[in-house]
């Protein structure tokens, strides 16, 4: 896979969080902790590294794609 077990777990957590951001009205803190990410700053960094967006920007982009 080319990544450690921890990296894989973190990637999956961020993926779960992006789904929650796009499918729910939960705030970023609720999404972060609900997906097993223990630090909000870590989630921001990971999302920015993977998608080039902050959680708020990500949610806005998803809303645009959904036509909201």
PDB file of N, CA and C in Angstrom:
ATOM      1  N   UNK A   1       0.812  -1.198   0.000  1.00  0.00           N
ATOM      2  CA  UNK A   1       0.000   0.000   0.000  1.00  0.00           C
ATOM      3  C   UNK A   1       0.853   1.260   0.000  1.00  0.00           C
ATOM      4  N   UNK A   2       2.077   1.164   0.441  1.00  0.00           N
ATOM      5  CA  UNK A   2       2.954   2.324   0.430  1.00  0.00           C
ATOM      6  C   UNK A   2       2.767   3.270   1.603  1.00  0.00           C
ATOM      7  N   UNK A   3       1.994   2.852   2.623  1.00  0.00           N
ATOM      8  CA  UNK A   3       1.833   3.700   3.803  1.00  0.00           C
ATOM      9  C   UNK A   3       1.753   2.819   5.039  1.00  0.00           C
ATOM     10  N   UNK A   4       2.070   3.427   6.169  1.00  0.00           N
ATOM     11  CA  UNK A   4       2.010   2.687   7.424  1.00  0.00           C
ATOM     12  C   UNK A   4       0.545   2.483   7.842  1.00  0.00           C
ATOM     13  N   UNK A   5       0.360   1.628   8.814  1.00  0.00           N
ATOM     14  CA  UNK A   5      -0.981   1.374   9.330  1.00  0.00           C
ATOM     15  C   UNK A   5      -1.599   2.659   9.875  1.00  0.00           C
ATOM     16  N   UNK A   6      -0.813   3.441  10.601  1.00  0.00           N
ATOM     17  CA  UNK A   6      -1.304   4.702  11.171  1.00  0.00           C
ATOM     18  C   UNK A   6      -1.701   5.665  10.058  1.00  0.00           C
ATOM     19  N   UNK A   7      -0.871   5.782   9.020  1.00  0.00           N
ATOM     20  CA  UNK A   7      -1.205   6.655   7.890  1.00  0.00           C
ATOM     21  C   UNK A   7      -2.502   6.210   7.221  1.00  0.00           C
ATOM     22  N   UNK A   8      -2.652   4.897   7.079  1.00  0.00           N
ATOM     23  CA  UNK A   8      -3.879   4.358   6.488  1.00  0.00           C
ATOM     24  C   UNK A   8      -5.098   4.715   7.344  1.00  0.00           C
ATOM     25  N   UNK A   9      -4.990   4.534   8.654  1.00  0.00           N
ATOM     26  CA  UNK A   9      -6.094   4.872   9.560  1.00  0.00           C
ATOM     27  C   UNK A   9      -6.435   6.353   9.485  1.00  0.00           C
ATOM     28  N   UNK A  10      -5.418   7.195   9.471  1.00  0.00           N
ATOM     29  CA  UNK A  10      -5.653   8.636   9.392  1.00  0.00           C
ATOM     30  C   UNK A  10      -6.322   9.013   8.078  1.00  0.00           C
ATOM     31  N   UNK A  11      -5.894   8.389   6.988  1.00  0.00           N
ATOM     32  CA  UNK A  11      -6.502   8.658   5.686  1.00  0.00           C
ATOM     33  C   UNK A  11      -7.973   8.268   5.693  1.00  0.00           C
ATOM     34  N   UNK A  12      -8.281   7.116   6.246  1.00  0.00           N
ATOM     35  CA  UNK A  12      -9.678   6.660   6.324  1.00  0.00           C
ATOM     36  C   UNK A  12     -10.522   7.583   7.197  1.00  0.00           C
ATOM     37  N   UNK A  13      -9.953   8.062   8.289  1.00  0.00           N
ATOM     38  CA  UNK A  13     -10.680   8.994   9.165  1.00  0.00           C
ATOM     39  C   UNK A  13     -11.003  10.288   8.427  1.00  0.00           C
ATOM     40  N   UNK A  14     -10.038  10.805   7.677  1.00  0.00           N
ATOM     41  CA  UNK A  14     -10.277  12.034   6.909  1.00  0.00           C
ATOM     42  C   UNK A  14     -11.334  11.783   5.834  1.00  0.00           C
ATOM     43  N   UNK A  15     -11.295  10.635   5.199  1.00  0.00           N
ATOM     44  CA  UNK A  15     -12.321  10.295   4.206  1.00  0.00           C
ATOM     45  C   UNK A  15     -13.706  10.251   4.847  1.00  0.00           C
ATOM     46  N   UNK A  16     -13.802   9.631   6.035  1.00  0.00           N
ATOM     47  CA  UNK A  16     -15.090   9.591   6.742  1.00  0.00           C
ATOM     48  C   UNK A  16     -15.550  11.003   7.089  1.00  0.00           C
ATOM     49  N   UNK A  17     -14.619  11.842   7.493  1.00  0.00           N
ATOM     50  CA  UNK A  17     -14.958  13.213   7.862  1.00  0.00           C
ATOM     51  C   UNK A  17     -15.448  14.004   6.650  1.00  0.00           C
ATOM     52  N   UNK A  18     -14.835  13.799   5.492  1.00  0.00           N
ATOM     53  CA  UNK A  18     -15.297  14.519   4.302  1.00  0.00           C
ATOM     54  C   UNK A  18     -16.710  14.087   3.931  1.00  0.00           C
ATOM     55  N   UNK A  19     -17.002  12.810   4.090  1.00  0.00           N
ATOM     56  CA  UNK A  19     -18.372  12.346   3.838  1.00  0.00           C
ATOM     57  C   UNK A  19     -19.349  13.007   4.805  1.00  0.00           C
ATOM     58  N   UNK A  20     -18.967  13.090   6.071  1.00  0.00           N
ATOM     59  CA  UNK A  20     -19.833  13.720   7.069  1.00  0.00           C
ATOM     60  C   UNK A  20     -20.011  15.211   6.780  1.00  0.00           C
ATOM     61  N   UNK A  21     -18.940  15.886   6.357  1.00  0.00           N
ATOM     62  CA  UNK A  21     -19.060  17.309   6.027  1.00  0.00           C
ATOM     63  C   UNK A  21     -20.018  17.536   4.867  1.00  0.00           C
ATOM     64  N   UNK A  22     -19.986  16.634   3.904  1.00  0.00           N
ATOM     65  CA  UNK A  22     -20.819  16.831   2.723  1.00  0.00           C
ATOM     66  C   UNK A  22     -22.248  16.326   2.921  1.00  0.00           C
ATOM     67  N   UNK A  23     -22.476  15.437   3.877  1.00  0.00           N
ATOM     68  CA  UNK A  23     -23.798  14.815   4.014  1.00  0.00           C
ATOM     69  C   UNK A  23     -24.576  15.250   5.251  1.00  0.00           C
ATOM     70  N   UNK A  24     -23.945  15.996   6.165  1.00  0.00           N
ATOM     71  CA  UNK A  24     -24.635  16.388   7.398  1.00  0.00           C
ATOM     72  C   UNK A  24     -24.461  17.881   7.643  1.00  0.00           C
ATOM     73  N   UNK A  25     -25.183  18.360   8.638  1.00  0.00           N
ATOM     74  CA  UNK A  25     -25.044  19.750   9.074  1.00  0.00           C
ATOM     75  C   UNK A  25     -24.229  19.855  10.359  1.00  0.00           C
ATOM     76  N   UNK A  26     -23.553  18.764  10.741  1.00  0.00           N
ATOM     77  CA  UNK A  26     -22.716  18.801  11.937  1.00  0.00           C
ATOM     78  C   UNK A  26     -21.609  19.830  11.767  1.00  0.00           C
ATOM     79  N   UNK A  27     -21.229  20.473  12.868  1.00  0.00           N
ATOM     80  CA  UNK A  27     -20.131  21.430  12.753  1.00  0.00           C
ATOM     81  C   UNK A  27     -18.796  20.686  12.673  1.00  0.00           C
ATOM     82  N   UNK A  28     -17.761  21.410  12.340  1.00  0.00           N
ATOM     83  CA  UNK A  28     -16.449  20.814  12.110  1.00  0.00           C
ATOM     84  C   UNK A  28     -15.936  20.064  13.336  1.00  0.00           C
ATOM     85  N   UNK A  29     -16.155  20.604  14.510  1.00  0.00           N
ATOM     86  CA  UNK A  29     -15.698  19.943  15.734  1.00  0.00           C
ATOM     87  C   UNK A  29     -16.399  18.598  15.913  1.00  0.00           C
ATOM     88  N   UNK A  30     -17.708  18.567  15.720  1.00  0.00           N
ATOM     89  CA  UNK A  30     -18.459  17.319  15.855  1.00  0.00           C
ATOM     90  C   UNK A  30     -17.997  16.282  14.834  1.00  0.00           C
ATOM     91  N   UNK A  31     -17.763  16.733  13.608  1.00  0.00           N
ATOM     92  CA  UNK A  31     -17.284  15.831  12.560  1.00  0.00           C
ATOM     93  C   UNK A  31     -15.904  15.294  12.918  1.00  0.00           C
ATOM     94  N   UNK A  32     -15.019  16.180  13.333  1.00  0.00           N
ATOM     95  CA  UNK A  32     -13.644  15.797  13.657  1.00  0.00           C
ATOM     96  C   UNK A  32     -13.608  14.718  14.728  1.00  0.00           C
ATOM     97  N   UNK A  33     -14.229  14.994  15.859  1.00  0.00           N
ATOM     98  CA  UNK A  33     -14.197  14.048  16.969  1.00  0.00           C
ATOM     99  C   UNK A  33     -15.026  12.805  16.667  1.00  0.00           C
ATOM    100  N   UNK A  34     -16.129  12.961  15.942  1.00  0.00           N
ATOM    101  CA  UNK A  34     -16.980  11.833  15.595  1.00  0.00           C
ATOM    102  C   UNK A  34     -16.299  10.821  14.684  1.00  0.00           C
ATOM    103  N   UNK A  35     -15.302  11.282  13.938  1.00  0.00           N
ATOM    104  CA  UNK A  35     -14.573  10.384  13.027  1.00  0.00           C
ATOM    105  C   UNK A  35     -13.297   9.843  13.654  1.00  0.00           C
ATOM    106  N   UNK A  36     -13.108  10.113  14.936  1.00  0.00           N
ATOM    107  CA  UNK A  36     -11.962   9.559  15.638  1.00  0.00           C
ATOM    108  C   UNK A  36     -10.678  10.361  15.501  1.00  0.00           C
ATOM    109  N   UNK A  37     -10.792  11.598  15.036  1.00  0.00           N
ATOM    110  CA  UNK A  37      -9.626  12.473  14.934  1.00  0.00           C
ATOM    111  C   UNK A  37      -9.584  13.276  16.223  1.00  0.00           C
ATOM    112  N   UNK A  38      -8.466  13.201  16.931  1.00  0.00           N
ATOM    113  CA  UNK A  38      -8.419  13.768  18.275  1.00  0.00           C
ATOM    114  C   UNK A  38      -8.049  15.249  18.331  1.00  0.00           C
ATOM    115  N   UNK A  39      -7.539  15.791  17.238  1.00  0.00           N
ATOM    116  CA  UNK A  39      -7.154  17.204  17.233  1.00  0.00           C
ATOM    117  C   UNK A  39      -7.722  17.889  15.998  1.00  0.00           C
ATOM    118  N   UNK A  40      -8.426  18.979  16.228  1.00  0.00           N
ATOM    119  CA  UNK A  40      -9.012  19.726  15.113  1.00  0.00           C
ATOM    120  C   UNK A  40      -7.918  20.246  14.195  1.00  0.00           C
ATOM    121  N   UNK A  41      -6.810  20.697  14.766  1.00  0.00           N
ATOM    122  CA  UNK A  41      -5.724  21.230  13.939  1.00  0.00           C
ATOM    123  C   UNK A  41      -5.163  20.153  13.009  1.00  0.00           C
ATOM    124  N   UNK A  42      -5.111  18.922  13.483  1.00  0.00           N
ATOM    125  CA  UNK A  42      -4.637  17.818  12.650  1.00  0.00           C
ATOM    126  C   UNK A  42      -5.594  17.602  11.474  1.00  0.00           C
ATOM    127  N   UNK A  43      -6.900  17.644  11.757  1.00  0.00           N
ATOM    128  CA  UNK A  43      -7.885  17.481  10.695  1.00  0.00           C
ATOM    129  C   UNK A  43      -7.753  18.585   9.652  1.00  0.00           C
ATOM    130  N   UNK A  44      -7.609  19.825  10.080  1.00  0.00           N
ATOM    131  CA  UNK A  44      -7.434  20.936   9.140  1.00  0.00           C
ATOM    132  C   UNK A  44      -6.214  20.703   8.248  1.00  0.00           C
ATOM    133  N   UNK A  45      -5.100  20.311   8.865  1.00  0.00           N
ATOM    134  CA  UNK A  45      -3.873  20.073   8.088  1.00  0.00           C
ATOM    135  C   UNK A  45      -4.045  18.939   7.091  1.00  0.00           C
ATOM    136  N   UNK A  46      -4.665  17.842   7.543  1.00  0.00           N
ATOM    137  CA  UNK A  46      -4.850  16.691   6.667  1.00  0.00           C
ATOM    138  C   UNK A  46      -5.800  17.001   5.511  1.00  0.00           C
ATOM    139  N   UNK A  47      -6.871  17.705   5.798  1.00  0.00           N
ATOM    140  CA  UNK A  47      -7.831  18.048   4.750  1.00  0.00           C
ATOM    141  C   UNK A  47      -7.191  18.993   3.746  1.00  0.00           C
ATOM    142  N   UNK A  48      -6.445  19.958   4.249  1.00  0.00           N
ATOM    143  CA  UNK A  48      -5.758  20.913   3.370  1.00  0.00           C
ATOM    144  C   UNK A  48      -4.726  20.190   2.510  1.00  0.00           C
ATOM    145  N   UNK A  49      -3.997  19.249   3.097  1.00  0.00           N
ATOM    146  CA  UNK A  49      -2.985  18.503   2.350  1.00  0.00           C
ATOM    147  C   UNK A  49      -3.618  17.605   1.290  1.00  0.00           C
ATOM    148  N   UNK A  50      -4.752  16.978   1.616  1.00  0.00           N
ATOM    149  CA  UNK A  50      -5.384  16.033   0.692  1.00  0.00           C
ATOM    150  C   UNK A  50      -6.273  16.695  -0.354  1.00  0.00           C
ATOM    151  N   UNK A  51      -6.947  17.781   0.024  1.00  0.00           N
ATOM    152  CA  UNK A  51      -7.934  18.394  -0.868  1.00  0.00           C
ATOM    153  C   UNK A  51      -7.644  19.851  -1.201  1.00  0.00           C
ATOM    154  N   UNK A  52      -6.674  20.450  -0.517  1.00  0.00           N
ATOM    155  CA  UNK A  52      -6.347  21.850  -0.767  1.00  0.00           C
ATOM    156  C   UNK A  52      -7.377  22.822  -0.220  1.00  0.00           C
ATOM    157  N   UNK A  53      -8.221  22.345   0.708  1.00  0.00           N
ATOM    158  CA  UNK A  53      -9.307  23.162   1.246  1.00  0.00           C
ATOM    159  C   UNK A  53      -9.409  23.014   2.759  1.00  0.00           C
ATOM    160  N   UNK A  54      -9.908  24.058   3.411  1.00  0.00           N
ATOM    161  CA  UNK A  54     -10.259  23.952   4.822  1.00  0.00           C
ATOM    162  C   UNK A  54     -11.613  23.243   4.911  1.00  0.00           C
ATOM    163  N   UNK A  55     -12.033  22.814   6.096  1.00  0.00           N
ATOM    164  CA  UNK A  55     -13.346  22.178   6.200  1.00  0.00           C
ATOM    165  C   UNK A  55     -14.489  23.052   5.701  1.00  0.00           C
ATOM    166  N   UNK A  56     -14.464  24.340   6.023  1.00  0.00           N
ATOM    167  CA  UNK A  56     -15.503  25.245   5.554  1.00  0.00           C
ATOM    168  C   UNK A  56     -15.507  25.377   4.040  1.00  0.00           C
ATOM    169  N   UNK A  57     -14.321  25.494   3.458  1.00  0.00           N
ATOM    170  CA  UNK A  57     -14.211  25.579   2.000  1.00  0.00           C
ATOM    171  C   UNK A  57     -14.674  24.276   1.346  1.00  0.00           C
ATOM    172  N   UNK A  58     -14.310  23.162   1.961  1.00  0.00           N
ATOM    173  CA  UNK A  58     -14.725  21.860   1.430  1.00  0.00           C
ATOM    174  C   UNK A  58     -16.242  21.762   1.409  1.00  0.00           C
ATOM    175  N   UNK A  59     -16.873  22.151   2.501  1.00  0.00           N
ATOM    176  CA  UNK A  59     -18.335  22.080   2.588  1.00  0.00           C
ATOM    177  C   UNK A  59     -18.981  22.997   1.551  1.00  0.00           C
ATOM    178  N   UNK A  60     -18.442  24.189   1.358  1.00  0.00           N
ATOM    179  CA  UNK A  60     -18.973  25.113   0.333  1.00  0.00           C
ATOM    180  C   UNK A  60     -18.852  24.510  -1.057  1.00  0.00           C
ATOM    181  N   UNK A  61     -17.731  23.880  -1.338  1.00  0.00           N
ATOM    182  CA  UNK A  61     -17.539  23.237  -2.649  1.00  0.00           C
ATOM    183  C   UNK A  61     -18.547  22.113  -2.853  1.00  0.00           C
ATOM    184  N   UNK A  62     -18.802  21.337  -1.810  1.00  0.00           N
ATOM    185  CA  UNK A  62     -19.765  20.250  -1.917  1.00  0.00           C
ATOM    186  C   UNK A  62     -21.173  20.806  -2.131  1.00  0.00           C
ATOM    187  N   UNK A  63     -21.490  21.917  -1.456  1.00  0.00           N
ATOM    188  CA  UNK A  63     -22.801  22.545  -1.642  1.00  0.00           C
ATOM    189  C   UNK A  63     -22.961  23.041  -3.081  1.00  0.00           C
ATOM    190  N   UNK A  64     -21.905  23.595  -3.639  1.00  0.00           N
ATOM    191  CA  UNK A  64     -21.955  24.065  -5.039  1.00  0.00           C
ATOM    192  C   UNK A  64     -22.214  22.909  -5.985  1.00  0.00           C
ATOM    193  N   UNK A  65     -21.536  21.790  -5.761  1.00  0.00           N
ATOM    194  CA  UNK A  65     -21.702  20.613  -6.605  1.00  0.00           C
ATOM    195  C   UNK A  65     -23.112  20.041  -6.501  1.00  0.00           C
ATOM    196  N   UNK A  66     -23.708  20.171  -5.319  1.00  0.00           N
ATOM    197  CA  UNK A  66     -25.062  19.665  -5.118  1.00  0.00           C
ATOM    198  C   UNK A  66     -26.122  20.648  -5.602  1.00  0.00           C
ATOM    199  N   UNK A  67     -25.682  21.835  -6.015  1.00  0.00           N
ATOM    200  CA  UNK A  67     -26.615  22.833  -6.515  1.00  0.00           C
ATOM    201  C   UNK A  67     -27.289  23.666  -5.453  1.00  0.00           C
ATOM    202  N   UNK A  68     -26.706  23.744  -4.257  1.00  0.00           N
ATOM    203  CA  UNK A  68     -27.290  24.558  -3.172  1.00  0.00           C
ATOM    204  C   UNK A  68     -26.758  25.953  -3.202  1.00  0.00           C
TER     205      UNK A  68
END
